Amino acid sequence: MSVRAYSLSALAAPPHPFRALAPIAAGLLLASGAAAQDRVQTPTTYGDAMRWYGEAAEAGSPRAQFLHGLKYQHGIDRDADPAKAAAWFRRAAEGEYALAQFRLAVALHEGRGVDRDIGEAASWYARAAENGIPEAAFNLGYILDNGLAGSADAAGAAKWYRIAATAGLASARFNLGVLYAEGRGVERDPVEAWIWFRCAAAAGRVGTEGELRRVEDAMDADQRASAREGAASRCPAPDNR
């Protein structure tokens, strides 16, 4: 029926994310243990704070490891190094840091700094999604929807799209609408399809007008009323996601 939306969300950091975060470097290090504290002096400058991040990362702080990975990914205060970024993301991901799990999944999905491995990317997307990252749920849904790691699994795709759609992601709302319109992975339901397309439009997804018209033309008056009522309660205002 429709071309599915697809976007690997990078959760992009600002050009200098550490300038705002530097004051919490001491807290990160304190949380990582006295042995690490003994190796550095109290930071008084931006450069000192960055060294604290490195110490905290080496000492095992998942948050510091994630931030260390961002430094290598974006080339902040050093040359960009995708391989080192992925390595630090992996360490933080294994420490259950959700944003690192997502970044590692994207690196594996795209082959950025690591060998491309869609199957492993899917596993990390699942862990990140379970830890509250809706973009990870969307990307996993897309992998399952299109069989990128093996056989397609429309029911699995619907599950993960729903999680991301409920969190407000426009592309997930649109793709879930497609599944309901086509009856793939879920029972065909034009009312649900219309609601999710309408919610996608409310979230800023362009190009939904045609899908809304096609689904609405196939509904009777009662279904149209139900669809409008459902959309009004489920996504009453744009959320710009």
Protein backbone atom coordinates (compact mmCIF):
# COMPACT_ATOMS: atom_id res chain seq x y z
CA MET A 1 0.00 0.00 0.00
CA SER A 2 2.67 2.50 1.01
CA VAL A 3 6.40 2.94 1.10
CA ARG A 4 7.50 2.40 4.66
CA ALA A 5 9.35 5.17 6.42
CA TYR A 6 12.85 4.44 7.61
CA SER A 7 15.25 6.50 9.63
CA LEU A 8 18.15 5.35 11.75
CA SER A 9 17.88 7.96 14.44
CA ALA A 10 21.35 8.93 15.63
CA LEU A 11 20.24 10.87 18.73
CA ALA A 12 22.85 13.37 17.60
CA ALA A 13 24.87 15.16 20.23
CA PRO A 14 25.53 18.90 19.97
CA PRO A 15 28.98 19.91 18.66
CA HIS A 16 30.41 20.29 22.18
CA PRO A 17 28.21 18.20 24.51
CA PHE A 18 30.89 17.97 27.18
CA ARG A 19 31.09 21.69 27.85
CA ALA A 20 27.72 21.50 29.59
CA LEU A 21 28.44 18.13 31.19
CA ALA A 22 31.95 18.83 32.49
CA PRO A 23 30.79 19.96 35.96
CA ILE A 24 29.40 16.48 36.68
CA ALA A 25 32.69 14.76 35.87
CA ALA A 26 33.66 14.68 39.52
CA GLY A 27 30.38 12.99 40.41
CA LEU A 28 30.98 10.33 37.78
CA LEU A 29 34.40 9.62 39.16
CA LEU A 30 33.19 9.54 42.74
CA ALA A 31 30.68 6.91 41.70
CA SER A 32 33.38 4.81 40.07
CA GLY A 33 35.49 4.20 43.14
CA ALA A 34 38.23 5.63 45.35
CA ALA A 35 41.04 3.94 43.44
CA ALA A 36 40.27 6.05 40.38
CA GLN A 37 39.99 9.22 42.47
CA ASP A 38 43.52 8.72 43.77
CA ARG A 39 44.92 8.91 40.24
CA VAL A 40 43.73 12.42 39.36
CA GLN A 41 43.46 15.87 40.87
CA THR A 42 40.23 17.78 41.30
CA PRO A 43 39.32 19.25 37.88
CA THR A 44 39.52 23.04 37.59
CA THR A 45 39.42 23.37 33.79
CA TYR A 46 37.55 21.87 30.88
CA GLY A 47 40.62 19.83 29.98
CA ASP A 48 40.93 18.51 33.54
CA ALA A 49 37.26 17.52 33.49
CA MET A 50 37.74 15.64 30.25
CA ARG A 51 40.57 13.69 31.84
CA TRP A 52 38.21 12.82 34.68
CA TYR A 53 35.80 11.39 32.14
CA GLY A 54 38.61 9.22 30.82
CA GLU A 55 39.51 8.07 34.31
CA ALA A 56 35.88 7.33 35.15
CA ALA A 57 35.45 5.42 31.88
CA GLU A 58 38.53 3.29 32.55
CA ALA A 59 37.31 2.71 36.11
CA GLY A 60 34.04 1.25 34.81
CA SER A 61 31.41 4.01 34.83
CA PRO A 62 28.98 3.12 31.99
CA ARG A 63 27.88 6.74 31.62
CA ALA A 64 31.47 7.93 31.32
CA GLN A 65 32.20 5.12 28.86
CA PHE A 66 29.27 6.26 26.73
CA LEU A 67 30.47 9.87 26.78
CA HIS A 68 33.99 8.69 25.94
CA GLY A 69 32.51 6.90 22.94
CA LEU A 70 30.78 10.09 21.85
CA LYS A 71 34.10 11.92 21.95
CA TYR A 72 35.58 9.42 19.50
CA GLN A 73 32.45 9.32 17.36
CA HIS A 74 32.22 13.09 16.93
CA GLY A 75 35.95 13.86 17.03
CA ILE A 76 35.65 16.07 20.11
CA ASP A 77 39.10 17.15 21.35
CA ARG A 78 40.63 14.43 19.17
CA ASP A 79 40.34 12.87 15.72
CA ALA A 80 37.15 10.93 15.11
CA ASP A 81 37.68 7.18 15.45
CA PRO A 82 34.57 5.04 14.76
CA ALA A 83 36.28 1.84 15.91
CA LYS A 84 37.21 3.27 19.30
CA ALA A 85 33.76 4.84 19.60
CA ALA A 86 32.11 1.47 19.01
CA ALA A 87 34.44 -0.19 21.51
CA TRP A 88 33.51 2.29 24.24
CA PHE A 89 29.84 2.04 23.36
CA ARG A 90 30.10 -1.73 23.75
CA ARG A 91 31.64 -1.42 27.21
CA ALA A 92 28.90 0.97 28.31
CA ALA A 93 26.21 -1.16 26.64
CA GLU A 94 27.36 -4.21 28.55
CA GLY A 95 26.92 -2.09 31.66
CA GLU A 96 23.24 -1.64 30.69
CA TYR A 97 23.58 2.00 29.62
CA ALA A 98 20.62 2.33 27.25
CA LEU A 99 21.95 5.11 25.00
CA ALA A 100 25.17 3.17 24.50
CA GLN A 101 23.17 0.06 23.60
CA PHE A 102 21.39 2.08 20.95
CA ARG A 103 24.58 3.66 19.58
CA LEU A 104 26.27 0.26 19.42
CA ALA A 105 23.27 -1.16 17.57
CA VAL A 106 23.43 1.66 15.01
CA ALA A 107 27.18 1.08 14.55
CA LEU A 108 26.57 -2.62 13.94
CA HIS A 109 23.62 -1.87 11.66
CA GLU A 110 25.66 0.49 9.51
CA GLY A 111 29.07 -1.18 9.85
CA ARG A 112 30.51 1.97 11.39
CA GLY A 113 33.73 1.10 13.23
CA VAL A 114 32.72 -2.57 13.41
CA ASP A 115 31.80 -5.30 10.95
CA ARG A 116 28.20 -4.91 9.83
CA ASP A 117 26.04 -7.43 11.70
CA ILE A 118 22.27 -6.90 11.49
CA GLY A 119 21.54 -9.84 13.77
CA GLU A 120 23.66 -8.48 16.60
CA ALA A 121 22.33 -4.99 15.93
CA ALA A 122 18.80 -6.36 16.41
CA SER A 123 19.78 -7.84 19.77
CA TRP A 124 21.17 -4.52 21.00
CA TYR A 125 18.18 -2.62 19.63
CA ALA A 126 15.95 -4.94 21.68
CA ARG A 127 17.93 -4.29 24.86
CA ALA A 128 17.94 -0.54 24.26
CA ALA A 129 14.21 -0.57 23.54
CA GLU A 130 13.54 -2.52 26.73
CA ASN A 131 15.57 0.14 28.54
CA GLY A 132 13.40 2.93 27.21
CA ILE A 133 14.83 4.08 23.84
CA PRO A 134 11.88 4.32 21.39
CA GLU A 135 14.14 4.85 18.36
CA ALA A 136 15.61 1.44 19.06
CA ALA A 137 12.14 -0.10 19.08
CA PHE A 138 11.41 1.50 15.71
CA ASN A 139 14.64 0.31 14.13
CA LEU A 140 14.08 -3.22 15.43
CA GLY A 141 10.55 -3.15 14.06
CA TYR A 142 11.90 -2.14 10.68
CA ILE A 143 14.45 -4.96 10.70
CA LEU A 144 11.72 -7.51 11.48
CA ASP A 145 9.25 -5.95 9.05
CA ASN A 146 11.70 -6.25 6.16
CA GLY A 147 13.47 -9.46 7.13
CA LEU A 148 16.88 -7.79 7.26
CA ALA A 149 18.24 -10.33 9.74
CA GLY A 150 16.46 -13.39 8.32
CA SER A 151 12.79 -14.12 7.73
CA ALA A 152 10.34 -11.25 7.98
CA ASP A 153 8.25 -11.16 11.15
CA ALA A 154 5.33 -8.79 10.75
CA ALA A 155 3.86 -9.63 14.16
CA GLY A 156 7.18 -8.85 15.81
CA ALA A 157 7.45 -5.66 13.79
CA ALA A 158 3.98 -4.60 14.96
CA LYS A 159 5.00 -5.15 18.58
CA TRP A 160 8.06 -2.91 18.37
CA TYR A 161 6.43 -0.32 16.12
CA ARG A 162 3.64 -0.03 18.70
CA ILE A 163 6.12 0.67 21.50
CA ALA A 164 7.80 3.40 19.45
CA ALA A 165 4.47 4.74 18.18
CA THR A 166 3.08 5.01 21.70
CA ALA A 167 6.21 6.96 22.64
CA GLY A 168 5.37 9.42 19.86
CA LEU A 169 7.68 8.54 16.94
CA ALA A 170 5.99 9.63 13.73
CA SER A 171 7.61 6.99 11.50
CA ALA A 172 6.58 4.20 13.86
CA ARG A 173 3.01 5.49 13.91
CA PHE A 174 2.97 5.56 10.12
CA ASN A 175 4.42 2.07 9.75
CA LEU A 176 2.01 0.65 12.29
CA GLY A 177 -0.81 2.21 10.28
CA VAL A 178 0.49 0.42 7.19
CA LEU A 179 0.40 -2.93 9.00
CA TYR A 180 -3.21 -2.37 10.09
CA ALA A 181 -4.20 -1.22 6.60
CA GLU A 182 -2.64 -4.32 5.03
CA GLY A 183 -3.48 -6.81 7.77
CA ARG A 184 0.13 -7.92 8.21
CA GLY A 185 1.15 -9.04 11.68
CA VAL A 186 -2.15 -7.72 13.02
CA GLU A 187 -5.77 -8.20 12.07
CA ARG A 188 -6.72 -5.84 9.24
CA ASP A 189 -8.47 -2.88 10.82
CA PRO A 190 -9.12 0.30 8.83
CA VAL A 191 -10.12 2.20 11.96
CA GLU A 192 -6.80 1.46 13.67
CA ALA A 193 -4.97 2.21 10.43
CA TRP A 194 -6.65 5.61 10.13
CA ILE A 195 -5.94 6.45 13.77
CA TRP A 196 -2.24 5.66 13.45
CA PHE A 197 -1.93 7.56 10.17
CA ARG A 198 -3.65 10.53 11.79
CA CYS A 199 -1.34 10.28 14.79
CA ALA A 200 1.65 10.14 12.44
CA ALA A 201 0.48 13.35 10.80
CA ALA A 202 0.00 14.95 14.23
CA ALA A 203 3.61 14.00 15.05
CA GLY A 204 4.88 15.72 11.90
CA ARG A 205 5.05 12.82 9.43
CA VAL A 206 4.56 14.34 5.97
CA GLY A 207 2.85 12.46 3.15
CA THR A 208 0.09 10.82 5.20
CA GLU A 209 -2.80 12.53 3.45
CA GLY A 210 -3.07 9.93 0.69
CA GLU A 211 -3.13 7.04 3.13
CA LEU A 212 -5.75 8.77 5.28
CA ARG A 213 -7.99 9.34 2.25
CA ARG A 214 -7.62 5.79 0.94
CA VAL A 215 -8.45 4.23 4.30
CA GLU A 216 -11.30 6.65 4.99
CA ASP A 217 -12.88 5.96 1.60
CA ALA A 218 -13.09 2.28 2.51
CA MET A 219 -14.85 2.90 5.84
CA ASP A 220 -18.53 3.35 6.60
CA ALA A 221 -19.91 6.28 8.59
CA ASP A 222 -19.71 4.50 11.94
CA GLN A 223 -16.09 3.51 11.34
CA ARG A 224 -15.16 7.07 10.38
CA ALA A 225 -16.72 8.39 13.58
CA SER A 226 -14.92 5.77 15.64
CA ALA A 227 -11.61 6.56 13.94
CA ARG A 228 -11.92 10.29 14.62
CA GLU A 229 -12.85 9.68 18.23
CA GLY A 230 -9.92 7.32 18.67
CA ALA A 231 -7.44 9.75 17.15
CA ALA A 232 -8.75 12.62 19.28
CA SER A 233 -8.10 10.63 22.47
CA ARG A 234 -4.87 8.96 21.42
CA CYS A 235 -2.99 11.88 19.85
CA PRO A 236 -4.90 15.10 20.53
CA ALA A 237 -2.03 17.45 19.66
CA PRO A 238 1.21 17.39 17.67
CA ASP A 239 4.21 16.26 19.72
CA ASN A 240 6.87 17.05 17.09
CA ARG A 241 8.64 13.69 17.50
